[in-house]
Each structure stands twice: as C-alpha cells, then as structure tokens.
C-alpha atoms as a PDB file:
ATOM      1  CA  MET A   1     109.122  83.741  80.014  1.00  0.00           C
ATOM      2  CA  THR A   2     111.234  80.569  80.406  1.00  0.00           C
ATOM      3  CA  ALA A   3     113.984  80.862  82.970  1.00  0.00           C
ATOM      4  CA  ARG A   4     117.506  79.931  81.897  1.00  0.00           C
ATOM      5  CA  PRO A   5     118.570  76.567  83.322  1.00  0.00           C
ATOM      6  CA  ASP A   6     121.910  78.035  84.469  1.00  0.00           C
ATOM      7  CA  LEU A   7     120.233  80.407  86.906  1.00  0.00           C
ATOM      8  CA  PRO A   8     120.167  79.489  90.619  1.00  0.00           C
ATOM      9  CA  THR A   9     116.990  77.742  91.725  1.00  0.00           C
ATOM     10  CA  ALA A  10     114.760  79.579  94.184  1.00  0.00           C
ATOM     11  CA  VAL A  11     111.835  77.954  95.975  1.00  0.00           C
ATOM     12  CA  CYS A  12     109.081  79.879  97.735  1.00  0.00           C
ATOM     13  CA  VAL A  13     107.772  78.213 100.904  1.00  0.00           C
ATOM     14  CA  MET A  14     105.179  80.106 102.924  1.00  0.00           C
ATOM     15  CA  ASP A  15     101.474  79.975 103.679  1.00  0.00           C
ATOM     16  CA  PRO A  16      99.935  79.411 100.212  1.00  0.00           C
ATOM     17  CA  ALA A  17      97.170  81.894 101.055  1.00  0.00           C
ATOM     18  CA  MET A  18      99.843  84.595 101.462  1.00  0.00           C
ATOM     19  CA  ALA A  19     102.247  83.686  98.664  1.00  0.00           C
ATOM     20  CA  ASP A  20     100.402  85.453  95.829  1.00  0.00           C
ATOM     21  CA  HIS A  21     100.100  88.615  97.921  1.00  0.00           C
ATOM     22  CA  VAL A  22     103.744  88.644  99.011  1.00  0.00           C
ATOM     23  CA  LEU A  23     105.052  87.655  95.567  1.00  0.00           C
ATOM     24  CA  PRO A  24     102.504  88.781  92.956  1.00  0.00           C
ATOM     25  CA  GLU A  25     103.038  87.907  89.296  1.00  0.00           C
ATOM     26  CA  GLU A  26     104.999  91.045  88.454  1.00  0.00           C
ATOM     27  CA  LEU A  27     107.516  90.300  91.222  1.00  0.00           C
ATOM     28  CA  ARG A  28     107.856  86.715  90.038  1.00  0.00           C
ATOM     29  CA  THR A  29     108.514  87.994  86.513  1.00  0.00           C
ATOM     30  CA  ARG A  30     111.171  90.350  87.888  1.00  0.00           C
ATOM     31  CA  LEU A  31     112.847  87.491  89.751  1.00  0.00           C
ATOM     32  CA  SER A  32     112.862  85.288  86.648  1.00  0.00           C
ATOM     33  CA  ALA A  33     115.678  87.452  85.310  1.00  0.00           C
ATOM     34  CA  VAL A  34     118.043  86.275  88.045  1.00  0.00           C
ATOM     35  CA  VAL A  35     116.690  82.940  89.354  1.00  0.00           C
ATOM     36  CA  ARG A  36     114.753  79.903  88.240  1.00  0.00           C
ATOM     37  CA  LEU A  37     111.709  80.279  90.461  1.00  0.00           C
ATOM     38  CA  VAL A  38     110.093  76.979  91.427  1.00  0.00           C
ATOM     39  CA  PRO A  39     106.579  77.030  92.914  1.00  0.00           C
ATOM     40  CA  GLY A  40     106.409  75.958  96.513  1.00  0.00           C
ATOM     41  CA  PRO A  41     103.891  73.559  98.100  1.00  0.00           C
ATOM     42  CA  LYS A  42     100.246  74.267  97.251  1.00  0.00           C
ATOM     43  CA  SER A  43      99.250  73.253 100.767  1.00  0.00           C
ATOM     44  CA  PRO A  44     100.928  74.324 104.014  1.00  0.00           C
ATOM     45  CA  ALA A  45     104.367  72.742 104.334  1.00  0.00           C
ATOM     46  CA  THR A  46     105.131  70.549 107.337  1.00  0.00           C
ATOM     47  CA  GLN A  47     108.388  69.271 108.787  1.00  0.00           C
ATOM     48  CA  ALA A  48     107.661  66.002 106.950  1.00  0.00           C
ATOM     49  CA  THR A  49     106.945  67.492 103.505  1.00  0.00           C
ATOM     50  CA  PHE A  50     109.329  70.454 103.684  1.00  0.00           C
ATOM     51  CA  PRO A  51     112.493  68.619 102.541  1.00  0.00           C
ATOM     52  CA  ASP A  52     110.818  67.519  99.289  1.00  0.00           C
ATOM     53  CA  ALA A  53     110.215  71.157  98.369  1.00  0.00           C
ATOM     54  CA  LEU A  54     113.852  72.063  99.010  1.00  0.00           C
ATOM     55  CA  ALA A  55     115.599  69.224  97.226  1.00  0.00           C
ATOM     56  CA  GLU A  56     116.788  71.466  94.360  1.00  0.00           C
ATOM     57  CA  ALA A  57     116.729  74.830  96.100  1.00  0.00           C
ATOM     58  CA  GLU A  58     119.778  77.072  96.229  1.00  0.00           C
ATOM     59  CA  ILE A  59     117.679  79.952  97.559  1.00  0.00           C
ATOM     60  CA  LEU A  60     114.683  79.652  99.855  1.00  0.00           C
ATOM     61  CA  ILE A  61     112.131  82.467  99.848  1.00  0.00           C
ATOM     62  CA  SER A  62     110.457  81.952 103.197  1.00  0.00           C
ATOM     63  CA  GLY A  63     107.592  83.664 104.973  1.00  0.00           C
ATOM     64  CA  TRP A  64     104.743  83.076 107.408  1.00  0.00           C
ATOM     65  CA  GLY A  65     103.957  79.356 107.503  1.00  0.00           C
ATOM     66  CA  CYS A  66     107.459  78.181 106.622  1.00  0.00           C
ATOM     67  CA  PRO A  67     108.604  75.364 108.938  1.00  0.00           C
ATOM     68  CA  ARG A  68     111.820  75.563 110.955  1.00  0.00           C
ATOM     69  CA  LEU A  69     115.042  74.775 109.103  1.00  0.00           C
ATOM     70  CA  THR A  70     116.280  71.962 111.325  1.00  0.00           C
ATOM     71  CA  ALA A  71     119.267  69.750 110.627  1.00  0.00           C
ATOM     72  CA  ASP A  72     116.930  67.034 109.321  1.00  0.00           C
ATOM     73  CA  VAL A  73     115.300  69.462 106.887  1.00  0.00           C
ATOM     74  CA  LEU A  74     118.653  70.790 105.706  1.00  0.00           C
ATOM     75  CA  ALA A  75     119.885  67.247 105.096  1.00  0.00           C
ATOM     76  CA  GLY A  76     117.334  67.133 102.286  1.00  0.00           C
ATOM     77  CA  ALA A  77     118.464  70.484 100.888  1.00  0.00           C
ATOM     78  CA  PRO A  78     122.105  69.864  99.908  1.00  0.00           C
ATOM     79  CA  ARG A  79     122.273  72.846  97.522  1.00  0.00           C
ATOM     80  CA  LEU A  80     120.698  75.467  99.794  1.00  0.00           C
ATOM     81  CA  ARG A  81     122.959  78.512 100.172  1.00  0.00           C
ATOM     82  CA  ALA A  82     120.663  81.418 101.071  1.00  0.00           C
ATOM     83  CA  VAL A  83     117.385  82.066 102.869  1.00  0.00           C
ATOM     84  CA  MET A  84     115.529  85.286 102.028  1.00  0.00           C
ATOM     85  CA  HIS A  85     112.780  85.728 104.597  1.00  0.00           C
ATOM     86  CA  ALA A  86     109.877  87.783 103.213  1.00  0.00           C
ATOM     87  CA  ALA A  87     108.583  88.549 106.701  1.00  0.00           C
ATOM     88  CA  GLY A  88     109.900  89.954 109.985  1.00  0.00           C
ATOM     89  CA  SER A  89     111.446  87.745 112.648  1.00  0.00           C
ATOM     90  CA  VAL A  90     113.572  84.811 111.497  1.00  0.00           C
ATOM     91  CA  ARG A  91     114.000  83.414 115.001  1.00  0.00           C
ATOM     92  CA  PRO A  92     111.284  80.716 114.614  1.00  0.00           C
ATOM     93  CA  LEU A  93     112.898  79.645 111.325  1.00  0.00           C
ATOM     94  CA  VAL A  94     116.633  79.577 111.952  1.00  0.00           C
ATOM     95  CA  SER A  95     118.503  76.715 113.630  1.00  0.00           C
ATOM     96  CA  ASP A  96     122.169  76.267 114.544  1.00  0.00           C
ATOM     97  CA  ALA A  97     122.466  73.851 111.636  1.00  0.00           C
ATOM     98  CA  MET A  98     122.061  76.767 109.219  1.00  0.00           C
ATOM     99  CA  TRP A  99     125.055  78.627 110.603  1.00  0.00           C
ATOM    100  CA  GLU A 100     127.105  75.430 110.598  1.00  0.00           C
ATOM    101  CA  ARG A 101     126.305  75.035 106.899  1.00  0.00           C
ATOM    102  CA  GLY A 102     127.265  78.660 106.198  1.00  0.00           C
ATOM    103  CA  ILE A 103     123.805  79.474 104.821  1.00  0.00           C
ATOM    104  CA  VAL A 104     123.230  83.202 104.311  1.00  0.00           C
ATOM    105  CA  VAL A 105     120.099  84.616 105.989  1.00  0.00           C
ATOM    106  CA  SER A 106     118.269  87.847 105.204  1.00  0.00           C
ATOM    107  CA  SER A 107     115.106  89.257 106.791  1.00  0.00           C
ATOM    108  CA  ALA A 108     112.613  91.776 105.436  1.00  0.00           C
ATOM    109  CA  ALA A 109     112.169  93.133 108.967  1.00  0.00           C
ATOM    110  CA  ASP A 110     113.047  96.632 107.740  1.00  0.00           C
ATOM    111  CA  ALA A 111     110.113  96.517 105.315  1.00  0.00           C
ATOM    112  CA  ASN A 112     107.797  95.295 108.073  1.00  0.00           C
ATOM    113  CA  ALA A 113     109.008  97.953 110.509  1.00  0.00           C
ATOM    114  CA  GLY A 114     107.434 100.892 108.685  1.00  0.00           C
ATOM    115  CA  PRO A 115     103.815  99.838 109.260  1.00  0.00           C
ATOM    116  CA  VAL A 116     104.542  98.909 112.897  1.00  0.00           C
ATOM    117  CA  ILE A 117     106.157 102.296 113.543  1.00  0.00           C
ATOM    118  CA  ALA A 118     103.220 104.146 111.985  1.00  0.00           C
ATOM    119  CA  TYR A 119     100.716 102.077 113.966  1.00  0.00           C
ATOM    120  CA  THR A 120     102.604 102.609 117.218  1.00  0.00           C
ATOM    121  CA  LEU A 121     102.826 106.359 116.676  1.00  0.00           C
ATOM    122  CA  ALA A 122      99.063 106.453 116.162  1.00  0.00           C
ATOM    123  CA  LEU A 123      98.513 104.513 119.398  1.00  0.00           C
ATOM    124  CA  ILE A 124     100.861 106.797 121.337  1.00  0.00           C
ATOM    125  CA  THR A 125      98.953 109.816 120.029  1.00  0.00           C
ATOM    126  CA  LEU A 126      95.734 108.270 121.354  1.00  0.00           C
ATOM    127  CA  ALA A 127      97.395 107.110 124.559  1.00  0.00           C
ATOM    128  CA  ALA A 128      98.859 110.515 125.407  1.00  0.00           C
ATOM    129  CA  ARG A 129      95.326 111.907 125.330  1.00  0.00           C
ATOM    130  CA  ARG A 130      93.941 108.992 127.395  1.00  0.00           C
ATOM    131  CA  THR A 131      91.500 108.549 124.533  1.00  0.00           C
ATOM    132  CA  LEU A 132      89.811 105.411 125.835  1.00  0.00           C
ATOM    133  CA  THR A 133      89.044 106.938 129.233  1.00  0.00           C
ATOM    134  CA  MET A 134      87.876 110.170 127.649  1.00  0.00           C
ATOM    135  CA  ALA A 135      85.668 108.285 125.190  1.00  0.00           C
ATOM    136  CA  ALA A 136      84.187 106.109 127.947  1.00  0.00           C
ATOM    137  CA  GLY A 137      83.181 109.257 129.823  1.00  0.00           C
ATOM    138  CA  TYR A 138      81.746 111.016 126.791  1.00  0.00           C
ATOM    139  CA  GLY A 139      78.323 112.457 127.480  1.00  0.00           C
ATOM    140  CA  GLY A 140      79.009 113.301 131.088  1.00  0.00           C
ATOM    141  CA  GLU A 141      80.319 116.552 132.483  1.00  0.00           C
ATOM    142  CA  TRP A 142      82.964 118.006 130.178  1.00  0.00           C
ATOM    143  CA  LYS A 143      86.185 119.369 131.585  1.00  0.00           C
ATOM    144  CA  ASP A 144      87.743 122.486 130.166  1.00  0.00           C
ATOM    145  CA  PHE A 145      90.509 121.836 127.667  1.00  0.00           C
ATOM    146  CA  ALA A 146      93.309 122.968 129.978  1.00  0.00           C
ATOM    147  CA  SER A 147      92.463 120.333 132.590  1.00  0.00           C
ATOM    148  CA  ARG A 148      92.190 117.414 130.177  1.00  0.00           C
ATOM    149  CA  PRO A 149      95.025 114.857 130.046  1.00  0.00           C
ATOM    150  CA  GLY A 150      96.372 116.080 126.718  1.00  0.00           C
ATOM    151  CA  ALA A 151      99.587 115.203 124.904  1.00  0.00           C
ATOM    152  CA  ASP A 152     101.514 118.471 125.176  1.00  0.00           C
ATOM    153  CA  GLY A 153     104.559 117.967 127.361  1.00  0.00           C
ATOM    154  CA  SER A 154     103.759 114.308 128.085  1.00  0.00           C
ATOM    155  CA  THR A 155     106.719 112.070 128.834  1.00  0.00           C
ATOM    156  CA  VAL A 156     106.903 108.966 126.673  1.00  0.00           C
ATOM    157  CA  GLY A 157     109.144 106.092 127.735  1.00  0.00           C
ATOM    158  CA  ILE A 158     110.484 103.743 125.061  1.00  0.00           C
ATOM    159  CA  VAL A 159     111.481 100.286 126.291  1.00  0.00           C
ATOM    160  CA  GLY A 160     114.024  98.911 123.826  1.00  0.00           C
ATOM    161  CA  ALA A 161     116.032 100.694 121.134  1.00  0.00           C
ATOM    162  CA  SER A 162     115.122  98.087 118.557  1.00  0.00           C
ATOM    163  CA  ARG A 163     114.647  98.870 114.874  1.00  0.00           C
ATOM    164  CA  ILE A 164     111.048  99.811 115.620  1.00  0.00           C
ATOM    165  CA  GLY A 165     111.862 101.529 118.911  1.00  0.00           C
ATOM    166  CA  ARG A 166     114.311 103.808 117.105  1.00  0.00           C
ATOM    167  CA  GLY A 167     111.762 104.518 114.392  1.00  0.00           C
ATOM    168  CA  VAL A 168     109.154 105.439 116.986  1.00  0.00           C
ATOM    169  CA  LEU A 169     111.629 107.785 118.682  1.00  0.00           C
ATOM    170  CA  ALA A 170     112.318 109.450 115.333  1.00  0.00           C
ATOM    171  CA  GLY A 171     108.601 109.876 114.677  1.00  0.00           C
ATOM    172  CA  LEU A 172     107.987 111.351 118.119  1.00  0.00           C
ATOM    173  CA  ARG A 173     110.879 113.781 117.643  1.00  0.00           C
ATOM    174  CA  ARG A 174     109.373 114.957 114.366  1.00  0.00           C
ATOM    175  CA  SER A 175     105.979 115.573 115.945  1.00  0.00           C
ATOM    176  CA  ASP A 176     105.076 118.975 117.353  1.00  0.00           C
ATOM    177  CA  ALA A 177     103.478 117.564 120.501  1.00  0.00           C
ATOM    178  CA  GLY A 178     106.378 118.508 122.758  1.00  0.00           C
ATOM    179  CA  TYR A 179     107.062 115.008 124.044  1.00  0.00           C
ATOM    180  CA  ARG A 180     109.859 114.402 126.536  1.00  0.00           C
ATOM    181  CA  LEU A 181     111.474 111.112 125.554  1.00  0.00           C
ATOM    182  CA  LEU A 182     113.031 108.513 127.831  1.00  0.00           C
ATOM    183  CA  LEU A 183     114.779 105.341 126.663  1.00  0.00           C
ATOM    184  CA  SER A 184     115.618 102.162 128.570  1.00  0.00           C
ATOM    185  CA  ASP A 185     117.958  99.738 126.832  1.00  0.00           C
ATOM    186  CA  PRO A 186     121.014  98.052 128.426  1.00  0.00           C
ATOM    187  CA  TYR A 187     122.901  98.057 125.107  1.00  0.00           C
ATOM    188  CA  VAL A 188     122.602 101.805 124.428  1.00  0.00           C
ATOM    189  CA  THR A 189     125.001 104.415 125.791  1.00  0.00           C
ATOM    190  CA  ASP A 190     124.015 107.828 127.111  1.00  0.00           C
ATOM    191  CA  GLU A 191     125.525 109.459 124.022  1.00  0.00           C
ATOM    192  CA  GLU A 192     123.678 107.171 121.624  1.00  0.00           C
ATOM    193  CA  ALA A 193     120.417 107.868 123.454  1.00  0.00           C
ATOM    194  CA  ARG A 194     121.033 111.607 123.098  1.00  0.00           C
ATOM    195  CA  ARG A 195     121.558 111.138 119.361  1.00  0.00           C
ATOM    196  CA  LEU A 196     118.176 109.400 119.301  1.00  0.00           C
ATOM    197  CA  GLY A 197     116.674 112.421 121.050  1.00  0.00           C
ATOM    198  CA  ALA A 198     116.076 110.652 124.348  1.00  0.00           C
ATOM    199  CA  GLU A 199     117.406 110.492 127.886  1.00  0.00           C
ATOM    200  CA  ARG A 200     118.707 107.041 128.815  1.00  0.00           C
ATOM    201  CA  VAL A 201     117.372 105.815 132.152  1.00  0.00           C
ATOM    202  CA  GLY A 202     116.827 102.538 133.932  1.00  0.00           C
ATOM    203  CA  LEU A 203     113.543 100.744 133.457  1.00  0.00           C
ATOM    204  CA  ALA A 204     112.254 101.579 136.934  1.00  0.00           C
ATOM    205  CA  GLU A 205     112.952 105.286 136.461  1.00  0.00           C
ATOM    206  CA  LEU A 206     111.355 105.203 133.018  1.00  0.00           C
ATOM    207  CA  CYS A 207     108.186 103.710 134.481  1.00  0.00           C
ATOM    208  CA  ARG A 208     108.088 106.239 137.336  1.00  0.00           C
ATOM    209  CA  ARG A 209     108.464 109.235 135.024  1.00  0.00           C
ATOM    210  CA  SER A 210     106.432 108.241 131.948  1.00  0.00           C
ATOM    211  CA  ALA A 211     102.831 109.081 131.160  1.00  0.00           C
ATOM    212  CA  VAL A 212     103.045 106.593 128.276  1.00  0.00           C
ATOM    213  CA  VAL A 213     105.266 103.491 128.251  1.00  0.00           C
ATOM    214  CA  SER A 214     105.729 101.925 124.804  1.00  0.00           C
ATOM    215  CA  VAL A 215     107.266  98.444 124.581  1.00  0.00           C
ATOM    216  CA  HIS A 216     109.773  97.627 121.810  1.00  0.00           C
ATOM    217  CA  ALA A 217     112.038  95.006 123.400  1.00  0.00           C
ATOM    218  CA  PRO A 218     112.540  91.624 121.703  1.00  0.00           C
ATOM    219  CA  LEU A 219     111.240  88.549 123.482  1.00  0.00           C
ATOM    220  CA  LEU A 220     114.263  86.936 125.126  1.00  0.00           C
ATOM    221  CA  PRO A 221     114.635  84.930 128.341  1.00  0.00           C
ATOM    222  CA  GLU A 222     115.766  88.102 130.101  1.00  0.00           C
ATOM    223  CA  THR A 223     112.867  90.194 128.760  1.00  0.00           C
ATOM    224  CA  THR A 224     110.053  87.713 129.443  1.00  0.00           C
ATOM    225  CA  GLY A 225     107.832  89.359 132.048  1.00  0.00           C
ATOM    226  CA  LEU A 226     110.075  92.440 132.022  1.00  0.00           C
ATOM    227  CA  LEU A 227     107.083  94.707 132.697  1.00  0.00           C
ATOM    228  CA  ASP A 228     105.957  92.842 135.806  1.00  0.00           C
ATOM    229  CA  ALA A 229     103.731  93.895 138.686  1.00  0.00           C
ATOM    230  CA  GLY A 230     106.521  95.894 140.272  1.00  0.00           C
ATOM    231  CA  MET A 231     107.339  97.859 137.127  1.00  0.00           C
ATOM    232  CA  LEU A 232     103.713  98.421 136.148  1.00  0.00           C
ATOM    233  CA  GLY A 233     103.027  99.637 139.675  1.00  0.00           C
ATOM    234  CA  LEU A 234     105.606 102.407 139.187  1.00  0.00           C
ATOM    235  CA  ILE A 235     103.736 103.962 136.255  1.00  0.00           C
ATOM    236  CA  PRO A 236     101.854 107.015 137.573  1.00  0.00           C
ATOM    237  CA  ASP A 237      98.085 106.891 138.052  1.00  0.00           C
ATOM    238  CA  GLY A 238      96.428 107.568 134.707  1.00  0.00           C
ATOM    239  CA  GLY A 239      99.433 106.248 132.810  1.00  0.00           C
ATOM    240  CA  VAL A 240      99.205 104.160 129.654  1.00  0.00           C
ATOM    241  CA  LEU A 241     100.979 101.043 128.382  1.00  0.00           C
ATOM    242  CA  VAL A 242     101.381 100.512 124.629  1.00  0.00           C
ATOM    243  CA  ASN A 243     102.662  97.145 123.357  1.00  0.00           C
ATOM    244  CA  THR A 244     103.246  96.407 119.672  1.00  0.00           C
ATOM    245  CA  ALA A 245     106.288  94.175 120.343  1.00  0.00           C
ATOM    246  CA  ARG A 246     105.694  90.804 122.010  1.00  0.00           C
ATOM    247  CA  GLY A 247     102.949  89.999 124.484  1.00  0.00           C
ATOM    248  CA  ALA A 248     105.113  88.011 126.891  1.00  0.00           C
ATOM    249  CA  VAL A 249     107.350  91.021 127.616  1.00  0.00           C
ATOM    250  CA  VAL A 250     104.449  92.191 129.813  1.00  0.00           C
ATOM    251  CA  ASP A 251     103.009  90.238 132.752  1.00  0.00           C
ATOM    252  CA  THR A 252      99.422  89.805 131.564  1.00  0.00           C
ATOM    253  CA  GLU A 253      97.959  89.091 134.990  1.00  0.00           C
ATOM    254  CA  ALA A 254      99.631  92.134 136.533  1.00  0.00           C
ATOM    255  CA  LEU A 255      98.503  94.367 133.674  1.00  0.00           C
ATOM    256  CA  THR A 256      94.973  93.030 133.949  1.00  0.00           C
ATOM    257  CA  ARG A 257      94.840  93.965 137.628  1.00  0.00           C
ATOM    258  CA  GLU A 258      96.057  97.494 136.889  1.00  0.00           C
ATOM    259  CA  CYS A 259      93.509  97.965 134.111  1.00  0.00           C
ATOM    260  CA  VAL A 260      90.602  96.422 136.050  1.00  0.00           C
ATOM    261  CA  SER A 261      91.309  98.909 138.833  1.00  0.00           C
ATOM    262  CA  GLY A 262      91.109 101.715 136.270  1.00  0.00           C
ATOM    263  CA  ARG A 263      94.541 102.996 137.242  1.00  0.00           C
ATOM    264  CA  LEU A 264      96.144 102.356 133.840  1.00  0.00           C
ATOM    265  CA  GLU A 265      95.039 102.315 130.217  1.00  0.00           C
ATOM    266  CA  ALA A 266      96.466  99.816 127.736  1.00  0.00           C
ATOM    267  CA  TYR A 267      96.724  99.679 123.941  1.00  0.00           C
ATOM    268  CA  LEU A 268      97.781  96.149 123.007  1.00  0.00           C
ATOM    269  CA  ASP A 269      98.431  94.731 119.552  1.00  0.00           C
ATOM    270  CA  VAL A 270     100.112  91.686 121.110  1.00  0.00           C
ATOM    271  CA  THR A 271      99.166  89.663 124.174  1.00  0.00           C
ATOM    272  CA  GLU A 272     100.222  86.623 126.153  1.00  0.00           C
ATOM    273  CA  PRO A 273      98.604  84.272 125.395  1.00  0.00           C
ATOM    274  CA  GLU A 274      97.759  85.215 121.836  1.00  0.00           C
ATOM    275  CA  PRO A 275      94.888  85.336 121.246  1.00  0.00           C
ATOM    276  CA  LEU A 276      93.470  85.962 124.689  1.00  0.00           C
ATOM    277  CA  PRO A 277      90.815  83.407 125.684  1.00  0.00           C
ATOM    278  CA  PRO A 278      87.161  84.400 125.232  1.00  0.00           C
ATOM    279  CA  GLY A 279      85.860  86.341 128.194  1.00  0.00           C
ATOM    280  CA  HIS A 280      89.268  87.629 129.280  1.00  0.00           C
ATOM    281  CA  PRO A 281      88.829  90.946 131.153  1.00  0.00           C
ATOM    282  CA  LEU A 282      91.212  92.825 128.847  1.00  0.00           C
ATOM    283  CA  LEU A 283      88.845  92.214 125.932  1.00  0.00           C
ATOM    284  CA  SER A 284      85.943  94.104 127.489  1.00  0.00           C
ATOM    285  CA  LEU A 285      87.430  96.815 129.685  1.00  0.00           C
ATOM    286  CA  PRO A 286      86.602 100.353 128.493  1.00  0.00           C
ATOM    287  CA  ASN A 287      90.169 101.510 129.202  1.00  0.00           C
ATOM    288  CA  VAL A 288      91.835  98.782 127.101  1.00  0.00           C
ATOM    289  CA  LEU A 289      92.120  98.415 123.333  1.00  0.00           C
ATOM    290  CA  VAL A 290      93.219  94.996 122.075  1.00  0.00           C
ATOM    291  CA  THR A 291      93.867  94.522 118.357  1.00  0.00           C
ATOM    292  CA  PRO A 292      94.706  91.140 116.755  1.00  0.00           C
ATOM    293  CA  HIS A 293      98.420  91.579 115.931  1.00  0.00           C
ATOM    294  CA  ILE A 294      97.766  93.888 112.981  1.00  0.00           C
ATOM    295  CA  ALA A 295     100.508  96.493 113.436  1.00  0.00           C
ATOM    296  CA  GLY A 296     102.762  94.822 110.867  1.00  0.00           C
ATOM    297  CA  ALA A 297     102.266  94.687 107.113  1.00  0.00           C
ATOM    298  CA  GLN A 298      98.634  94.022 106.227  1.00  0.00           C
ATOM    299  CA  GLY A 299      96.684  93.725 102.973  1.00  0.00           C
ATOM    300  CA  ARG A 300      98.550  95.312 100.075  1.00  0.00           C
ATOM    301  CA  GLU A 301     101.376  96.262 102.432  1.00  0.00           C
ATOM    302  CA  VAL A 302     102.663  92.659 102.438  1.00  0.00           C
ATOM    303  CA  ARG A 303     103.919  93.234  98.889  1.00  0.00           C
ATOM    304  CA  ARG A 304     106.633  95.392 100.500  1.00  0.00           C
ATOM    305  CA  LEU A 305     108.009  92.227 102.074  1.00  0.00           C
ATOM    306  CA  GLY A 306     108.178  90.462  98.726  1.00  0.00           C
ATOM    307  CA  GLU A 307     109.816  93.482  97.103  1.00  0.00           C
ATOM    308  CA  TYR A 308     112.444  93.563  99.834  1.00  0.00           C
ATOM    309  CA  ALA A 309     113.172  89.846  99.476  1.00  0.00           C
ATOM    310  CA  ALA A 310     113.341  90.149  95.675  1.00  0.00           C
ATOM    311  CA  ALA A 311     115.860  92.991  95.945  1.00  0.00           C
ATOM    312  CA  GLU A 312     117.930  90.927  98.386  1.00  0.00           C
ATOM    313  CA  ILE A 313     117.960  88.017  95.935  1.00  0.00           C
ATOM    314  CA  GLU A 314     119.128  90.348  93.167  1.00  0.00           C
ATOM    315  CA  ARG A 315     121.918  91.635  95.417  1.00  0.00           C
ATOM    316  CA  TRP A 316     122.948  88.117  96.446  1.00  0.00           C
ATOM    317  CA  VAL A 317     123.105  86.858  92.857  1.00  0.00           C
ATOM    318  CA  ALA A 318     125.183  89.908  91.927  1.00  0.00           C
ATOM    319  CA  GLY A 319     127.560  89.281  94.823  1.00  0.00           C
ATOM    320  CA  GLU A 320     126.561  92.501  96.611  1.00  0.00           C
ATOM    321  CA  PRO A 321     126.128  92.935 100.390  1.00  0.00           C
ATOM    322  CA  LEU A 322     122.657  92.186 101.755  1.00  0.00           C
ATOM    323  CA  LEU A 323     120.806  95.017 103.489  1.00  0.00           C
ATOM    324  CA  GLY A 324     118.806  92.668 105.720  1.00  0.00           C
ATOM    325  CA  ALA A 325     121.586  90.223 106.575  1.00  0.00           C
ATOM    326  CA  VAL A 326     121.115  88.364 109.866  1.00  0.00           C
ATOM    327  CA  THR A 327     124.140  86.987 111.696  1.00  0.00           C
ATOM    328  CA  ARG A 328     124.423  84.269 114.293  1.00  0.00           C
ATOM    329  CA  GLU A 329     125.752  86.810 116.813  1.00  0.00           C
ATOM    330  CA  ALA A 330     122.878  89.266 116.285  1.00  0.00           C
ATOM    331  CA  LEU A 331     120.062  86.723 116.219  1.00  0.00           C
ATOM    332  CA  PRO A 332     119.615  86.367 120.017  1.00  0.00           C
ATOM    333  CA  HIS A 333     118.936  90.097 120.328  1.00  0.00           C
ATOM    334  CA  LEU A 334     116.470  90.397 117.453  1.00  0.00           C
ATOM    335  CA  ALA A 335     112.692  90.413 117.786  1.00  0.00           C
END
C-alpha cells in the first residue's frame, strides 16, 4: 500500500533490533492509513545522526535506543509536532526545548505497567512466604505449617502511589491472602489512600510495620537513596524488600549488609549500579533474587507498546485527546 503524500510523516527511531517487534508489519499497515511512515535508521541512532532521520518528521515514534531530543536535535526537525514514545519513561528523551516548541508528548507507560504489576505481584507472593529462605533450608527439619512465615495476614507496605504502585495495590486487594496494606506517598491524602484500600503512613512507620516493603517510587533527587540504612534497619527481622522500580531508590550498600547478615530477603529486578558488577554479594546470596530488569514488557509483550503508540497516533491525527499525554508539570514526578 502506498501512503498518500498529504498524510503527516511519521519516523520510527528506536533500537533497530526492537523496531520490528514493537511495530510489526500489521501495525505498520494499520498506521499507513493515517500517516506516511518513513523507516528509521537501520543502525542505532546517535546524537550526530539523529537530526538527519527527523528532517521531514511531523511525528516521531520513539522507543528504547532513541537519543535525547535536545535543542540541537530539534533544530534539525523543523516540522516535528508530536512524539509518541512506544516504551515507558520519557524522562531520558525529553528536554526543555520540546516544551518550548510546543511538541506534544505521549508515553506507552500504561501498556508497560501491566507486565510490571503482574511481575511484582508474583514477587510479593513469593516474598510474603519468605520463599528464598524456605527454599535454602529445604531438606532440613520441616516446621509445621502453622509456624511457617506464610502470607496470610502479612502487612505489605507500598512505597509510592505511582501508576504501578496503584496497580499493585489493586491486585493485592483482589487477592484472598488477607494482606494489610500500607502506603507511603507525600502526594496522597488519607482519603485517597483509603480509596486505594490502604492506610497512609510515613515511610518510617511503613518500614517498621511491614513484613514486605515493595518499592514503586520514581527516581528523583528526593527519592535517591530513600530506602537507606536507617529505613532498612526499621524493617522487622525476616522482612523482605521488593524493588521493580529504580535501583537507586535503595541504598545498595545498606541493603547488601542487611542481606549478608541474613536479616532481610530481597527480590530485585533493578539495582544500582545496573548491572551489578561480577562477584557482587547480592548475586550469590541464597536470600536474594536478582533478575535483569525483566519486569516490563518482554518478548511478544513489547507489541503492546507499539499498539498503544499506534492508537495514540490515530487519536492525534483525528484531533482527539491522548490517553498517554505527558505534560511538563507532571514529568518531574514520573518514573
């Protein structure tokens, strides 16, 4: 199918190894009804080569591997009016120059949230049962079921009422495990927390009362190292930390000390640094599970991101509101 020349031009710029998975042929065909889709670079774009790809673009379909949209880049993209990000966070991509140009930004973070929520709920289920510790002791003397550290009645503390944090709360409410839910977030009121099925508390109280602490705060200057030695030390003996947000929200050295002592378990999909260097204690401890940032869309799931971006493009061309719109005011508080 030949696209009509009067349609707006859209350029896809992301890691070429991902592009065909995010935007398979059937999605490209769907988009050809509303845009003239121009292939992006066949090799990873750089700040030097990026402007060439955007010279004609009115819409940028971005994703993992797309360079930052600096003022210099935008100078070579005089027609660019919208950026549809077929991935989660747009913070590494967006610059002040975009807002000054009035460029519309949309993120497929909602589409990426589903897999992260499901993954986190699975980890919390394992964490509430202290699965790693129980598995490490398998083959020794078995305790009766009543004395095992099971999930019934466990208190789970959610740090951050982000998109994913709220989804995790909803999933925990729907479970029949009898969780008591705590929430720490400075931007949430007591009433809003109650609507989410949780009790709003300060971070220190959340740590003191929670058997499982699950991190869902965005990485901001004020959240870097938020779970430091003092906060981790408040979590009761046998407690568990789950982190599928950003590694730097947790003090890695402090967490390592707690896990080496055997006092805490940890289930980490993100770390600081990422990846951890070879031989790091967290990689070999029996009470720690480290996975390589796989909670988000993986494999065939990444098509969801392309579908979301395609639908946003269709809405934008039709003059309809965008579901994933990102504003300058909201950006500092997003993951």
